[in-house]
């Protein structure tokens, strides 16, 4: 039996359900798409970190907009909502909030990436997503 959730925190869980909807019951395809997500995720983490350090709010808003659909794909709706808050703060020229929320997003990204990777490692060994 394929389980589609992996614990992230008390409030948010990684879910592969939407990926399964896209590709059917193909565990290898879900694993491949998840690996692509993680590769892009790592690049985005580095870009967010650099943008925070340089106070590049334009890039932080663009990165938030870019990452939001991926978070939704993995059922990380709270994290996607943080991305939306960054975009909203940017539109209101509230750049301190952009910086603060981006730091929060960066901290959450590392936790999420670790949880997704752990679920994938387990899946790789068993060819199931747990």
Protein backbone atom coordinates (compact mmCIF):
# COMPACT_ATOMS: atom_id res chain seq x y z
CA UNK A 1 0.00 0.00 0.00
CA UNK A 2 1.32 3.44 -0.91
CA UNK A 3 1.03 6.04 1.81
CA UNK A 4 1.13 9.59 0.52
CA UNK A 5 2.01 11.68 3.59
CA UNK A 6 5.23 12.40 5.44
CA UNK A 7 5.31 14.37 8.70
CA UNK A 8 6.73 17.90 8.44
CA UNK A 9 5.62 19.57 11.64
CA UNK A 10 2.62 19.67 13.90
CA UNK A 11 0.78 21.87 11.44
CA UNK A 12 1.96 20.87 7.98
CA UNK A 13 2.63 17.59 6.19
CA UNK A 14 4.27 16.80 2.90
CA UNK A 15 1.81 15.03 0.65
CA UNK A 16 2.51 13.32 -2.64
CA UNK A 17 -1.22 13.01 -3.43
CA UNK A 18 -1.27 15.73 -6.12
CA UNK A 19 1.76 14.17 -7.80
CA UNK A 20 -0.04 10.82 -7.86
CA UNK A 21 -3.03 12.57 -9.42
CA UNK A 22 -0.73 13.88 -12.15
CA UNK A 23 1.09 10.63 -12.94
CA UNK A 24 -1.27 7.92 -11.75
CA UNK A 25 0.12 5.32 -9.40
CA UNK A 26 3.64 5.49 -10.80
CA UNK A 27 5.91 5.62 -7.78
CA UNK A 28 9.07 6.01 -9.93
CA UNK A 29 7.60 9.08 -11.65
CA UNK A 30 6.59 10.63 -8.33
CA UNK A 31 10.09 9.99 -7.01
CA UNK A 32 11.63 11.59 -10.12
CA UNK A 33 9.40 14.68 -9.91
CA UNK A 34 10.14 14.98 -6.21
CA UNK A 35 13.87 14.85 -6.90
CA UNK A 36 13.51 17.65 -9.44
CA UNK A 37 11.60 19.64 -6.82
CA UNK A 38 14.40 19.10 -4.31
CA UNK A 39 17.09 20.18 -6.79
CA UNK A 40 15.22 23.39 -7.58
CA UNK A 41 14.41 23.80 -3.91
CA UNK A 42 18.11 23.80 -3.01
CA UNK A 43 18.86 26.40 -5.69
CA UNK A 44 15.99 28.54 -4.43
CA UNK A 45 17.23 28.29 -0.83
CA UNK A 46 20.62 29.63 -1.88
CA UNK A 47 19.01 32.41 -3.91
CA UNK A 48 16.75 33.40 -0.99
CA UNK A 49 19.73 33.44 1.35
CA UNK A 50 21.77 35.65 -1.00
CA UNK A 51 18.79 37.95 -1.54
CA UNK A 52 18.24 38.35 2.19
CA UNK A 53 21.90 39.21 2.70
CA UNK A 54 21.85 41.77 -0.11
CA UNK A 55 18.35 43.03 0.84
CA UNK A 56 17.20 42.36 -2.71
CA UNK A 57 13.45 42.54 -2.10
CA UNK A 58 12.62 42.37 -5.81
CA UNK A 59 14.24 38.96 -6.09
CA UNK A 60 12.68 37.76 -2.83
CA UNK A 61 9.22 38.61 -4.16
CA UNK A 62 9.95 36.86 -7.48
CA UNK A 63 11.32 33.77 -5.76
CA UNK A 64 8.29 33.60 -3.49
CA UNK A 65 6.00 33.79 -6.48
CA UNK A 66 8.02 31.10 -8.27
CA UNK A 67 8.06 28.66 -5.32
CA UNK A 68 4.43 29.01 -4.26
CA UNK A 69 2.98 26.50 -6.79
CA UNK A 70 5.53 23.85 -5.83
CA UNK A 71 4.64 24.19 -2.17
CA UNK A 72 0.98 23.77 -3.08
CA UNK A 73 1.83 20.70 -5.15
CA UNK A 74 3.25 19.07 -2.01
CA UNK A 75 0.29 20.25 0.12
CA UNK A 76 2.48 22.74 1.98
CA UNK A 77 -0.27 25.33 2.10
CA UNK A 78 1.03 27.26 5.11
CA UNK A 79 4.38 27.69 3.40
CA UNK A 80 2.62 28.73 0.18
CA UNK A 81 0.64 31.26 2.25
CA UNK A 82 3.93 32.68 3.56
CA UNK A 83 5.02 33.15 -0.06
CA UNK A 84 1.81 35.04 -0.74
CA UNK A 85 2.40 37.23 2.32
CA UNK A 86 5.87 38.07 0.99
CA UNK A 87 4.36 39.07 -2.35
CA UNK A 88 1.69 41.16 -0.62
CA UNK A 89 4.22 42.90 1.62
CA UNK A 90 6.37 43.67 -1.41
CA UNK A 91 3.40 45.20 -3.23
CA UNK A 92 2.79 47.42 -0.18
CA UNK A 93 6.48 48.43 -0.05
CA UNK A 94 6.78 46.84 3.38
CA UNK A 95 10.31 45.65 2.85
CA UNK A 96 11.07 44.78 6.48
CA UNK A 97 8.19 42.31 6.39
CA UNK A 98 9.52 40.91 3.10
CA UNK A 99 12.88 40.33 4.80
CA UNK A 100 11.38 38.84 7.98
CA UNK A 101 9.02 36.47 6.14
CA UNK A 102 11.79 35.45 3.75
CA UNK A 103 13.95 34.46 6.71
CA UNK A 104 11.03 32.42 8.05
CA UNK A 105 10.56 30.84 4.62
CA UNK A 106 14.24 29.97 4.43
CA UNK A 107 14.11 28.25 7.82
CA UNK A 108 11.01 26.32 6.77
CA UNK A 109 12.55 25.34 3.44
CA UNK A 110 15.40 23.46 5.05
CA UNK A 111 13.00 21.57 7.31
CA UNK A 112 10.68 20.74 4.42
CA UNK A 113 13.54 19.67 2.16
CA UNK A 114 14.83 17.32 4.84
CA UNK A 115 11.39 15.78 5.33
CA UNK A 116 10.77 15.35 1.59
CA UNK A 117 14.22 13.83 1.18
CA UNK A 118 13.65 11.43 4.08
CA UNK A 119 10.34 10.30 2.57
CA UNK A 120 12.03 9.81 -0.80
CA UNK A 121 14.94 7.87 0.71
CA UNK A 122 12.48 5.54 2.38
CA UNK A 123 10.49 5.24 -0.84
CA UNK A 124 13.60 4.45 -2.82
CA UNK A 125 14.38 1.52 -0.54
CA UNK A 126 10.83 0.16 -0.50
CA UNK A 127 9.49 1.59 -3.78
CA UNK A 128 6.62 3.06 -1.75
CA UNK A 129 6.04 6.60 -0.59
CA UNK A 130 5.61 6.78 3.16
